[in-house]
N, C-alpha and C. Protein backbone atom coordinates (compact mmCIF):
# COMPACT_ATOMS: atom_id res chain seq x y z
N UNK A 1 105.66 180.75 85.25
CA UNK A 1 106.59 180.33 86.28
C UNK A 1 106.15 180.88 87.62
N UNK A 2 106.08 180.05 88.61
CA UNK A 2 105.61 180.45 89.94
C UNK A 2 106.74 181.07 90.73
N UNK A 3 106.59 182.41 91.02
CA UNK A 3 107.65 183.12 91.77
C UNK A 3 107.42 183.11 93.27
N UNK A 4 106.41 182.43 93.74
CA UNK A 4 106.14 182.44 95.19
C UNK A 4 107.25 181.71 95.93
N UNK A 5 107.64 182.23 97.10
CA UNK A 5 108.75 181.63 97.86
C UNK A 5 108.42 180.22 98.30
N UNK A 6 109.48 179.39 98.40
CA UNK A 6 109.31 178.03 98.85
C UNK A 6 108.96 178.01 100.33
N UNK A 7 108.00 177.19 100.67
CA UNK A 7 107.60 177.10 102.08
C UNK A 7 108.22 175.84 102.67
N UNK A 8 109.11 176.04 103.65
CA UNK A 8 109.78 174.90 104.29
C UNK A 8 108.82 174.20 105.22
N UNK A 9 108.98 172.90 105.31
CA UNK A 9 108.13 172.12 106.21
C UNK A 9 108.44 172.48 107.65
N UNK A 10 107.41 172.82 108.41
CA UNK A 10 107.61 173.24 109.80
C UNK A 10 107.79 172.02 110.69
N UNK A 11 108.67 172.23 111.64
CA UNK A 11 108.83 171.17 112.65
C UNK A 11 107.79 171.37 113.73
N UNK A 12 107.40 170.29 114.34
CA UNK A 12 106.41 170.37 115.42
C UNK A 12 106.98 171.19 116.57
N UNK A 13 106.12 171.94 117.30
CA UNK A 13 106.60 172.83 118.37
C UNK A 13 107.46 172.11 119.40
N UNK A 14 107.10 170.89 119.79
CA UNK A 14 107.83 170.20 120.85
C UNK A 14 108.93 169.29 120.32
N UNK A 15 109.18 169.36 119.01
CA UNK A 15 110.17 168.48 118.42
C UNK A 15 111.49 169.22 118.26
N UNK A 16 112.60 168.60 118.72
CA UNK A 16 113.91 169.23 118.60
C UNK A 16 114.75 168.43 117.62
N UNK A 17 115.34 169.09 116.62
CA UNK A 17 116.21 168.37 115.69
C UNK A 17 117.46 167.88 116.43
N UNK A 18 117.87 166.62 116.19
CA UNK A 18 119.01 166.05 116.86
C UNK A 18 120.28 166.17 116.03
N UNK A 19 121.36 166.45 116.73
CA UNK A 19 122.66 166.45 116.08
C UNK A 19 123.19 165.03 116.10
N UNK A 20 124.39 164.84 115.64
CA UNK A 20 124.97 163.50 115.66
C UNK A 20 125.34 163.13 117.09
N UNK A 21 125.50 161.82 117.32
CA UNK A 21 125.90 161.34 118.64
C UNK A 21 127.24 161.95 119.05
N UNK A 22 128.16 162.04 118.09
CA UNK A 22 129.49 162.59 118.38
C UNK A 22 129.39 164.03 118.87
N UNK A 23 128.51 164.82 118.23
CA UNK A 23 128.33 166.21 118.63
C UNK A 23 127.77 166.30 120.04
N UNK A 24 126.81 165.41 120.34
CA UNK A 24 126.24 165.40 121.69
C UNK A 24 127.27 165.00 122.73
N UNK A 25 128.13 164.03 122.38
CA UNK A 25 129.19 163.62 123.31
C UNK A 25 130.11 164.79 123.63
N UNK A 26 130.46 165.55 122.60
CA UNK A 26 131.32 166.72 122.81
C UNK A 26 130.62 167.74 123.70
N UNK A 27 129.32 167.91 123.49
CA UNK A 27 128.56 168.85 124.31
C UNK A 27 128.50 168.40 125.76
N UNK A 28 128.32 167.09 125.96
CA UNK A 28 128.27 166.55 127.32
C UNK A 28 129.62 166.70 128.02
N UNK A 29 130.71 166.46 127.28
CA UNK A 29 132.05 166.63 127.84
C UNK A 29 132.28 168.07 128.27
N UNK A 30 131.81 169.01 127.44
CA UNK A 30 131.95 170.43 127.76
C UNK A 30 131.18 170.77 129.03
N UNK A 31 129.98 170.21 129.16
CA UNK A 31 129.17 170.46 130.36
C UNK A 31 129.86 169.89 131.59
N UNK A 32 130.45 168.70 131.44
CA UNK A 32 131.16 168.08 132.57
C UNK A 32 132.37 168.92 132.96
N UNK A 33 133.09 169.42 131.96
CA UNK A 33 134.26 170.25 132.24
C UNK A 33 133.88 171.53 132.96
N UNK A 34 132.69 172.02 132.67
CA UNK A 34 132.21 173.23 133.32
C UNK A 34 131.47 172.94 134.62
N UNK A 35 131.49 171.66 135.04
CA UNK A 35 130.86 171.22 136.29
C UNK A 35 129.33 171.39 136.26
N UNK A 36 128.75 171.40 135.06
CA UNK A 36 127.30 171.54 134.93
C UNK A 36 126.67 170.15 134.83
N UNK A 37 126.76 169.40 135.93
CA UNK A 37 126.34 168.01 135.92
C UNK A 37 124.83 167.86 135.72
N UNK A 38 124.05 168.79 136.24
CA UNK A 38 122.59 168.71 136.07
C UNK A 38 122.21 168.86 134.60
N UNK A 39 122.87 169.79 133.92
CA UNK A 39 122.58 169.99 132.50
C UNK A 39 122.98 168.75 131.71
N UNK A 40 124.10 168.14 132.08
CA UNK A 40 124.54 166.93 131.39
C UNK A 40 123.54 165.80 131.59
N UNK A 41 123.01 165.69 132.79
CA UNK A 41 122.02 164.65 133.08
C UNK A 41 120.76 164.84 132.24
N UNK A 42 120.32 166.10 132.13
CA UNK A 42 119.13 166.39 131.32
C UNK A 42 119.37 166.02 129.86
N UNK A 43 120.58 166.28 129.38
CA UNK A 43 120.91 165.98 127.99
C UNK A 43 120.89 164.47 127.73
N UNK A 44 121.45 163.72 128.70
CA UNK A 44 121.43 162.26 128.60
C UNK A 44 120.00 161.74 128.61
N UNK A 45 119.18 162.29 129.50
CA UNK A 45 117.78 161.87 129.60
C UNK A 45 117.03 162.12 128.30
N UNK A 46 117.30 163.26 127.66
CA UNK A 46 116.65 163.61 126.41
C UNK A 46 117.05 162.64 125.29
N UNK A 47 118.32 162.31 125.25
CA UNK A 47 118.80 161.36 124.25
C UNK A 47 118.19 159.97 124.45
N UNK A 48 118.11 159.55 125.70
CA UNK A 48 117.51 158.25 126.00
C UNK A 48 116.04 158.21 125.57
N UNK A 49 115.34 159.31 125.88
CA UNK A 49 113.91 159.40 125.59
C UNK A 49 113.65 159.24 124.10
N UNK A 50 114.59 159.72 123.29
CA UNK A 50 114.40 159.69 121.85
C UNK A 50 115.24 158.58 121.17
N UNK A 51 115.71 157.64 122.01
CA UNK A 51 116.47 156.49 121.49
C UNK A 51 117.66 156.91 120.63
N UNK A 52 118.32 157.97 121.05
CA UNK A 52 119.48 158.47 120.30
C UNK A 52 120.80 158.18 121.00
N UNK A 53 120.76 157.43 122.08
CA UNK A 53 121.97 157.19 122.85
C UNK A 53 122.10 155.70 123.13
N UNK A 54 123.23 155.10 122.75
CA UNK A 54 123.40 153.67 123.00
C UNK A 54 124.07 153.44 124.35
N UNK A 55 124.10 152.16 124.80
CA UNK A 55 124.64 151.82 126.12
C UNK A 55 126.09 152.21 126.27
N UNK A 56 126.86 152.08 125.20
CA UNK A 56 128.28 152.41 125.26
C UNK A 56 128.50 153.87 125.62
N UNK A 57 127.74 154.74 124.98
CA UNK A 57 127.87 156.17 125.26
C UNK A 57 127.43 156.50 126.68
N UNK A 58 126.34 155.85 127.12
CA UNK A 58 125.83 156.10 128.48
C UNK A 58 126.90 155.74 129.51
N UNK A 59 127.53 154.57 129.36
CA UNK A 59 128.56 154.13 130.30
C UNK A 59 129.77 155.05 130.29
N UNK A 60 130.13 155.52 129.09
CA UNK A 60 131.27 156.43 128.98
C UNK A 60 131.02 157.75 129.69
N UNK A 61 129.82 158.29 129.51
CA UNK A 61 129.45 159.56 130.15
C UNK A 61 129.37 159.37 131.66
N UNK A 62 128.78 158.25 132.08
CA UNK A 62 128.66 157.95 133.52
C UNK A 62 130.04 157.84 134.17
N UNK A 63 130.97 157.20 133.47
CA UNK A 63 132.33 157.03 133.99
C UNK A 63 133.03 158.38 134.15
N UNK A 64 132.88 159.26 133.14
CA UNK A 64 133.51 160.59 133.21
C UNK A 64 132.98 161.39 134.38
N UNK A 65 131.66 161.31 134.60
CA UNK A 65 131.05 162.06 135.69
C UNK A 65 131.50 161.51 137.04
N UNK A 66 131.63 160.18 137.14
CA UNK A 66 132.07 159.56 138.38
C UNK A 66 133.50 159.97 138.71
N UNK A 67 134.36 160.02 137.70
CA UNK A 67 135.75 160.45 137.89
C UNK A 67 135.79 161.90 138.36
N UNK A 68 134.97 162.76 137.72
CA UNK A 68 134.93 164.18 138.08
C UNK A 68 134.50 164.37 139.53
N UNK A 69 133.51 163.59 139.97
CA UNK A 69 133.01 163.71 141.35
C UNK A 69 134.05 163.22 142.35
N UNK A 70 134.75 162.12 142.02
CA UNK A 70 135.78 161.58 142.92
C UNK A 70 136.96 162.54 143.02
N UNK A 71 137.35 163.14 141.90
CA UNK A 71 138.46 164.10 141.93
C UNK A 71 138.10 165.33 142.75
N UNK A 72 136.86 165.77 142.65
CA UNK A 72 136.40 166.91 143.44
C UNK A 72 136.45 166.58 144.92
N UNK A 73 136.04 165.36 145.26
CA UNK A 73 136.06 164.92 146.66
C UNK A 73 137.50 164.83 147.17
N UNK A 74 138.40 164.32 146.31
CA UNK A 74 139.81 164.18 146.69
C UNK A 74 140.44 165.53 147.02
N UNK A 75 140.06 166.56 146.27
CA UNK A 75 140.61 167.90 146.50
C UNK A 75 140.17 168.48 147.84
N UNK A 76 139.03 168.01 148.36
CA UNK A 76 138.50 168.54 149.61
C UNK A 76 139.06 167.82 150.85
N UNK A 77 139.79 166.72 150.63
CA UNK A 77 140.31 165.93 151.75
C UNK A 77 141.75 166.35 152.05
N UNK A 78 142.06 166.73 153.29
CA UNK A 78 143.44 167.10 153.65
C UNK A 78 144.40 165.92 153.45
N UNK A 79 145.65 166.23 153.15
CA UNK A 79 146.66 165.19 152.94
C UNK A 79 146.83 164.34 154.19
N UNK A 80 146.58 164.93 155.37
CA UNK A 80 146.75 164.21 156.63
C UNK A 80 145.79 163.04 156.80
N UNK A 81 144.66 163.08 156.09
CA UNK A 81 143.69 161.97 156.16
C UNK A 81 144.11 160.91 155.14
N UNK A 82 145.15 160.18 155.49
CA UNK A 82 145.82 159.27 154.57
C UNK A 82 144.88 158.17 154.05
N UNK A 83 144.17 157.51 154.94
CA UNK A 83 143.32 156.39 154.53
C UNK A 83 142.19 156.83 153.61
N UNK A 84 141.58 158.00 153.90
CA UNK A 84 140.50 158.52 153.05
C UNK A 84 141.02 158.82 151.64
N UNK A 85 142.21 159.44 151.57
CA UNK A 85 142.81 159.74 150.28
C UNK A 85 143.15 158.47 149.51
N UNK A 86 143.69 157.49 150.22
CA UNK A 86 144.06 156.23 149.58
C UNK A 86 142.83 155.55 148.97
N UNK A 87 141.73 155.54 149.70
CA UNK A 87 140.50 154.92 149.20
C UNK A 87 139.96 155.63 147.96
N UNK A 88 140.01 156.97 147.96
CA UNK A 88 139.54 157.74 146.81
C UNK A 88 140.37 157.43 145.56
N UNK A 89 141.70 157.45 145.72
CA UNK A 89 142.56 157.23 144.55
C UNK A 89 142.56 155.78 144.09
N UNK A 90 142.24 154.86 144.98
CA UNK A 90 142.06 153.47 144.56
C UNK A 90 140.84 153.35 143.65
N UNK A 91 139.76 154.08 144.01
CA UNK A 91 138.55 154.07 143.18
C UNK A 91 138.83 154.70 141.81
N UNK A 92 139.59 155.80 141.82
CA UNK A 92 139.92 156.46 140.56
C UNK A 92 140.80 155.56 139.69
N UNK A 93 141.75 154.87 140.31
CA UNK A 93 142.63 153.98 139.57
C UNK A 93 141.87 152.80 138.99
N UNK A 94 140.84 152.34 139.70
CA UNK A 94 140.00 151.25 139.19
C UNK A 94 139.24 151.69 137.94
N UNK A 95 138.87 152.98 137.89
CA UNK A 95 138.15 153.52 136.73
C UNK A 95 139.09 153.78 135.56
N UNK A 96 140.33 154.21 135.88
CA UNK A 96 141.34 154.46 134.85
C UNK A 96 142.66 153.80 135.25
N UNK A 97 142.82 152.50 135.03
CA UNK A 97 144.00 151.75 135.49
C UNK A 97 145.33 152.24 134.94
N UNK A 98 145.31 152.91 133.79
CA UNK A 98 146.56 153.36 133.17
C UNK A 98 146.91 154.81 133.48
N UNK A 99 146.11 155.45 134.34
CA UNK A 99 146.36 156.86 134.65
C UNK A 99 147.58 156.98 135.59
N UNK A 100 148.68 157.60 135.12
CA UNK A 100 149.90 157.69 135.94
C UNK A 100 149.72 158.52 137.21
N UNK A 101 148.85 159.52 137.14
CA UNK A 101 148.60 160.37 138.32
C UNK A 101 147.98 159.54 139.44
N UNK A 102 146.99 158.74 139.11
CA UNK A 102 146.30 157.93 140.12
C UNK A 102 147.24 156.86 140.69
N UNK A 103 148.07 156.27 139.83
CA UNK A 103 149.05 155.28 140.29
C UNK A 103 150.01 155.90 141.30
N UNK A 104 150.48 157.08 140.97
CA UNK A 104 151.43 157.79 141.84
C UNK A 104 150.80 158.13 143.18
N UNK A 105 149.54 158.57 143.16
CA UNK A 105 148.84 158.93 144.39
C UNK A 105 148.61 157.71 145.28
N UNK A 106 148.21 156.59 144.66
CA UNK A 106 147.99 155.36 145.43
C UNK A 106 149.29 154.91 146.09
N UNK A 107 150.38 154.93 145.34
CA UNK A 107 151.68 154.54 145.90
C UNK A 107 152.10 155.47 147.03
N UNK A 108 151.85 156.77 146.84
CA UNK A 108 152.22 157.76 147.86
C UNK A 108 151.49 157.52 149.17
N UNK A 109 150.16 157.34 149.08
CA UNK A 109 149.37 157.17 150.31
C UNK A 109 149.56 155.79 150.94
N UNK A 110 149.90 154.78 150.14
CA UNK A 110 150.25 153.49 150.71
C UNK A 110 151.52 153.60 151.56
N UNK A 111 152.51 154.30 151.00
CA UNK A 111 153.77 154.51 151.71
C UNK A 111 153.56 155.34 152.98
N UNK A 112 152.70 156.35 152.87
CA UNK A 112 152.40 157.22 154.01
C UNK A 112 151.70 156.43 155.12
N UNK A 113 150.80 155.54 154.73
CA UNK A 113 150.08 154.72 155.70
C UNK A 113 151.05 153.80 156.44
N UNK A 114 151.98 153.21 155.73
CA UNK A 114 152.98 152.34 156.34
C UNK A 114 153.91 153.14 157.25
N UNK A 115 154.26 154.35 156.80
CA UNK A 115 155.12 155.23 157.60
C UNK A 115 154.45 155.61 158.91
N UNK A 116 153.16 155.93 158.85
CA UNK A 116 152.41 156.29 160.07
C UNK A 116 152.31 155.11 161.02
N UNK A 117 152.15 153.91 160.45
CA UNK A 117 152.06 152.70 161.26
C UNK A 117 153.36 152.46 162.02
N UNK A 118 154.48 152.60 161.30
CA UNK A 118 155.79 152.41 161.93
C UNK A 118 156.05 153.47 162.99
N UNK A 119 155.63 154.70 162.70
CA UNK A 119 155.82 155.79 163.65
C UNK A 119 155.03 155.54 164.93
N UNK A 120 153.80 155.05 164.77
CA UNK A 120 152.95 154.77 165.93
C UNK A 120 153.56 153.67 166.79
N UNK A 121 154.12 152.66 166.12
CA UNK A 121 154.75 151.56 166.85
C UNK A 121 155.97 152.04 167.64
N UNK A 122 156.72 152.97 167.04
CA UNK A 122 157.90 153.50 167.72
C UNK A 122 157.52 154.37 168.92
N UNK A 123 156.36 155.01 168.82
CA UNK A 123 155.91 155.90 169.90
C UNK A 123 155.20 155.16 171.02
N UNK A 124 155.04 153.85 170.87
CA UNK A 124 154.35 153.07 171.89
C UNK A 124 155.09 153.19 173.23
N UNK A 125 154.33 153.33 174.31
CA UNK A 125 154.91 153.52 175.63
C UNK A 125 154.76 152.25 176.47
N UNK A 126 155.76 152.00 177.30
CA UNK A 126 155.78 150.80 178.13
C UNK A 126 156.01 151.18 179.59
N UNK A 127 155.64 150.29 180.46
CA UNK A 127 155.81 150.50 181.89
C UNK A 127 156.29 149.19 182.52
N UNK A 128 157.09 149.31 183.58
CA UNK A 128 157.59 148.12 184.26
C UNK A 128 156.87 147.93 185.59
N UNK A 129 156.49 146.69 185.86
CA UNK A 129 155.83 146.38 187.12
C UNK A 129 156.86 146.47 188.26
N UNK A 130 156.45 147.09 189.33
CA UNK A 130 157.34 147.28 190.49
C UNK A 130 157.92 145.94 190.94
N UNK A 131 159.21 145.96 191.25
CA UNK A 131 159.92 144.73 191.62
C UNK A 131 159.51 144.18 192.97
N UNK A 132 158.80 144.95 193.75
CA UNK A 132 158.42 144.49 195.10
C UNK A 132 157.20 143.58 195.11
N UNK A 133 156.46 143.50 194.00
CA UNK A 133 155.27 142.63 193.99
C UNK A 133 154.60 142.60 192.64
N UNK A 134 153.70 141.64 192.45
CA UNK A 134 152.98 141.52 191.19
C UNK A 134 151.84 142.55 191.13
N UNK A 135 151.38 142.82 189.92
CA UNK A 135 150.34 143.82 189.72
C UNK A 135 149.01 143.13 189.39
N UNK A 136 147.97 143.35 190.21
CA UNK A 136 146.65 142.78 189.89
C UNK A 136 146.06 143.50 188.67
N UNK A 137 145.45 142.73 187.79
CA UNK A 137 144.82 143.28 186.58
C UNK A 137 143.30 143.18 186.75
N UNK A 138 142.62 144.35 186.67
CA UNK A 138 141.17 144.39 186.87
C UNK A 138 140.44 144.60 185.56
N UNK A 139 139.16 144.20 185.54
CA UNK A 139 138.35 144.35 184.33
C UNK A 139 138.10 145.82 184.01
N UNK A 140 138.04 146.68 185.05
CA UNK A 140 137.99 148.13 184.86
C UNK A 140 138.58 148.76 186.12
N UNK A 141 138.99 150.05 186.04
CA UNK A 141 139.70 150.66 187.16
C UNK A 141 138.96 150.62 188.50
N UNK A 142 139.74 150.57 189.58
CA UNK A 142 139.32 150.67 190.98
C UNK A 142 138.53 149.45 191.47
N UNK A 143 137.32 149.23 190.96
CA UNK A 143 136.47 148.19 191.53
C UNK A 143 136.13 147.07 190.55
N UNK A 144 136.95 146.91 189.50
CA UNK A 144 136.70 145.85 188.54
C UNK A 144 137.04 144.48 189.10
N UNK A 145 136.55 143.44 188.45
CA UNK A 145 136.85 142.08 188.90
C UNK A 145 138.27 141.71 188.52
N UNK A 146 138.88 140.81 189.29
CA UNK A 146 140.26 140.41 189.08
C UNK A 146 140.37 139.47 187.87
N UNK A 147 141.20 139.88 186.90
CA UNK A 147 141.41 139.07 185.70
C UNK A 147 142.67 138.22 185.79
N UNK A 148 143.59 138.64 186.62
CA UNK A 148 144.87 137.95 186.73
C UNK A 148 145.89 138.90 187.32
N UNK A 149 147.16 138.59 187.13
CA UNK A 149 148.22 139.45 187.65
C UNK A 149 149.43 139.41 186.74
N UNK A 150 150.25 140.45 186.84
CA UNK A 150 151.49 140.54 186.06
C UNK A 150 152.64 140.49 187.05
N UNK A 151 153.57 139.59 186.83
CA UNK A 151 154.67 139.41 187.78
C UNK A 151 155.61 140.60 187.82
N UNK A 152 156.26 140.79 188.95
CA UNK A 152 157.15 141.92 189.16
C UNK A 152 158.32 141.90 188.18
N UNK A 153 158.75 143.08 187.78
CA UNK A 153 159.88 143.22 186.86
C UNK A 153 159.51 143.08 185.39
N UNK A 154 158.27 142.70 185.09
CA UNK A 154 157.86 142.53 183.69
C UNK A 154 157.45 143.88 183.09
N UNK A 155 157.76 144.06 181.79
CA UNK A 155 157.41 145.29 181.08
C UNK A 155 156.18 145.05 180.21
N UNK A 156 155.21 145.96 180.31
CA UNK A 156 153.99 145.83 179.51
C UNK A 156 153.71 147.15 178.78
N UNK A 157 153.03 147.04 177.65
CA UNK A 157 152.70 148.23 176.86
C UNK A 157 151.44 148.89 177.40
N UNK A 158 151.49 150.22 177.46
CA UNK A 158 150.33 151.00 177.90
C UNK A 158 149.47 151.29 176.66
N UNK A 159 148.23 150.84 176.68
CA UNK A 159 147.31 151.06 175.56
C UNK A 159 146.44 152.29 175.76
N UNK A 160 146.22 152.64 177.02
CA UNK A 160 145.38 153.80 177.35
C UNK A 160 145.70 154.22 178.78
N UNK A 161 145.47 155.48 179.06
CA UNK A 161 145.71 156.00 180.40
C UNK A 161 144.49 156.76 180.87
N UNK A 162 144.05 156.51 182.11
CA UNK A 162 142.91 157.23 182.68
C UNK A 162 143.27 157.76 184.06
N UNK A 163 142.77 158.97 184.33
CA UNK A 163 142.88 159.54 185.66
C UNK A 163 141.50 159.41 186.31
N UNK A 164 141.42 158.64 187.38
CA UNK A 164 140.15 158.36 188.04
C UNK A 164 140.03 159.21 189.30
N UNK A 165 139.00 160.05 189.35
CA UNK A 165 138.73 160.84 190.55
C UNK A 165 137.94 159.97 191.52
N UNK A 166 138.60 159.55 192.56
CA UNK A 166 138.00 158.64 193.54
C UNK A 166 138.03 159.32 194.91
N UNK A 167 136.92 159.93 195.26
CA UNK A 167 136.89 160.68 196.51
C UNK A 167 137.72 161.95 196.41
N UNK A 168 138.67 162.11 197.32
CA UNK A 168 139.51 163.32 197.36
C UNK A 168 140.80 163.15 196.58
N UNK A 169 141.07 161.96 196.04
CA UNK A 169 142.33 161.73 195.35
C UNK A 169 142.10 161.31 193.89
N UNK A 170 143.14 161.53 193.09
CA UNK A 170 143.14 161.08 191.70
C UNK A 170 144.05 159.86 191.58
N UNK A 171 143.57 158.86 190.91
CA UNK A 171 144.37 157.66 190.69
C UNK A 171 144.59 157.46 189.19
N UNK A 172 145.83 157.14 188.83
CA UNK A 172 146.16 156.88 187.44
C UNK A 172 146.11 155.38 187.18
N UNK A 173 145.40 155.01 186.11
CA UNK A 173 145.27 153.60 185.74
C UNK A 173 145.69 153.41 184.28
N UNK A 174 146.34 152.27 184.01
CA UNK A 174 146.79 151.94 182.67
C UNK A 174 146.01 150.73 182.13
N UNK A 175 145.58 150.86 180.88
CA UNK A 175 144.95 149.70 180.22
C UNK A 175 146.05 148.91 179.53
N UNK A 176 146.09 147.60 179.79
CA UNK A 176 147.14 146.74 179.27
C UNK A 176 146.54 145.46 178.70
N UNK A 177 147.37 144.72 177.97
CA UNK A 177 146.93 143.43 177.43
C UNK A 177 147.53 142.31 178.27
N UNK A 178 146.71 141.32 178.63
CA UNK A 178 147.18 140.19 179.44
C UNK A 178 146.48 138.92 178.97
N UNK A 179 147.28 137.92 178.62
CA UNK A 179 146.76 136.61 178.22
C UNK A 179 145.68 136.69 177.12
N UNK A 180 145.91 137.55 176.15
CA UNK A 180 144.98 137.66 175.03
C UNK A 180 143.77 138.55 175.28
N UNK A 181 143.61 139.05 176.50
CA UNK A 181 142.49 139.96 176.81
C UNK A 181 143.06 141.26 177.37
N UNK A 182 142.16 142.18 177.75
CA UNK A 182 142.60 143.50 178.20
C UNK A 182 142.08 143.79 179.60
N UNK A 183 142.88 144.52 180.35
CA UNK A 183 142.49 144.89 181.71
C UNK A 183 143.22 146.15 182.15
N UNK A 184 143.06 146.48 183.43
CA UNK A 184 143.61 147.72 183.96
C UNK A 184 144.51 147.45 185.16
N UNK A 185 145.64 148.19 185.21
CA UNK A 185 146.52 148.13 186.38
C UNK A 185 146.72 149.54 186.92
N UNK A 186 146.93 149.63 188.21
CA UNK A 186 147.16 150.93 188.84
C UNK A 186 148.59 151.38 188.62
N UNK A 187 148.78 152.69 188.45
CA UNK A 187 150.13 153.24 188.31
C UNK A 187 150.95 153.00 189.57
N UNK A 188 150.25 152.84 190.70
CA UNK A 188 150.95 152.67 191.97
C UNK A 188 151.79 151.39 192.02
N UNK A 189 151.49 150.41 191.17
CA UNK A 189 152.25 149.15 191.20
C UNK A 189 153.31 149.11 190.10
N UNK A 190 153.59 150.29 189.50
CA UNK A 190 154.59 150.35 188.42
C UNK A 190 155.70 151.31 188.78
N UNK A 191 156.79 151.22 188.02
CA UNK A 191 157.87 152.20 188.15
C UNK A 191 157.51 153.40 187.28
N UNK A 192 158.32 154.45 187.29
CA UNK A 192 158.04 155.64 186.50
C UNK A 192 158.08 155.32 185.01
N UNK A 193 157.18 155.94 184.23
CA UNK A 193 157.14 155.74 182.78
C UNK A 193 156.64 157.01 182.12
N UNK A 194 157.15 157.27 180.95
CA UNK A 194 156.66 158.41 180.18
C UNK A 194 155.53 157.94 179.29
N UNK A 195 154.36 158.53 179.43
CA UNK A 195 153.18 158.09 178.70
C UNK A 195 152.80 159.14 177.68
N UNK A 196 152.72 158.73 176.41
CA UNK A 196 152.39 159.69 175.35
C UNK A 196 150.92 159.78 175.05
N UNK A 197 150.13 158.80 175.47
CA UNK A 197 148.71 158.81 175.17
C UNK A 197 147.97 159.89 175.92
N UNK A 198 146.80 160.29 175.38
CA UNK A 198 145.98 161.29 176.06
C UNK A 198 145.37 160.69 177.33
N UNK A 199 145.21 161.53 178.31
CA UNK A 199 144.64 161.09 179.58
C UNK A 199 143.16 161.43 179.60
N UNK A 200 142.34 160.43 179.90
CA UNK A 200 140.90 160.63 180.03
C UNK A 200 140.55 160.69 181.51
N UNK A 201 139.89 161.76 181.92
CA UNK A 201 139.53 161.91 183.32
C UNK A 201 138.11 161.40 183.54
N UNK A 202 137.96 160.49 184.50
CA UNK A 202 136.65 159.90 184.81
C UNK A 202 136.31 160.23 186.25
N UNK A 203 135.13 160.78 186.47
CA UNK A 203 134.67 161.12 187.82
C UNK A 203 133.80 160.00 188.36
N UNK A 204 134.20 159.42 189.44
CA UNK A 204 133.43 158.34 190.06
C UNK A 204 132.45 158.93 191.07
N UNK A 205 131.24 158.45 191.06
CA UNK A 205 130.21 158.95 191.96
C UNK A 205 130.11 158.09 193.21
């Protein structure tokens, strides 16, 4: 009887024994949970190289990583950036349509966007043209070409306000809409108005 120990067949130095696909999926999920995306990518590449990974698994892993990256990005965006947040959660909801968290976030930022729009409309400022005469509308302040005029007593919305340094004096000009286009009127031809927009100072040479 031969008492010599059994000699197991050696694996080649560069050959790695593969576990089941399910085991690899669990390993990849663990790597994703630990934010080790590079390691997960290497694992996927190794499986592909050895024809051990089918298209279904690849798409599933890709989807999980995409969700993880979008969620990370969402956490870095302040709540005040409503449109950016809305776009991120729309992408997440497209990836997981039944996720209640993503649905809630999309609804929240949609409502916030509408609220901001209504608030902006309420804060819009208007000015009345002086009753003593019409206001000429120029293509740009001071020396712009004449686009038309606004009759006295009419109220128009101020879209922008500029303070123009013209020689030794400062002149205030308002950007307004007229006949489907935009132009500028001088504050001197209007009555008093409270303007909420920021003032841009322009120095004329």
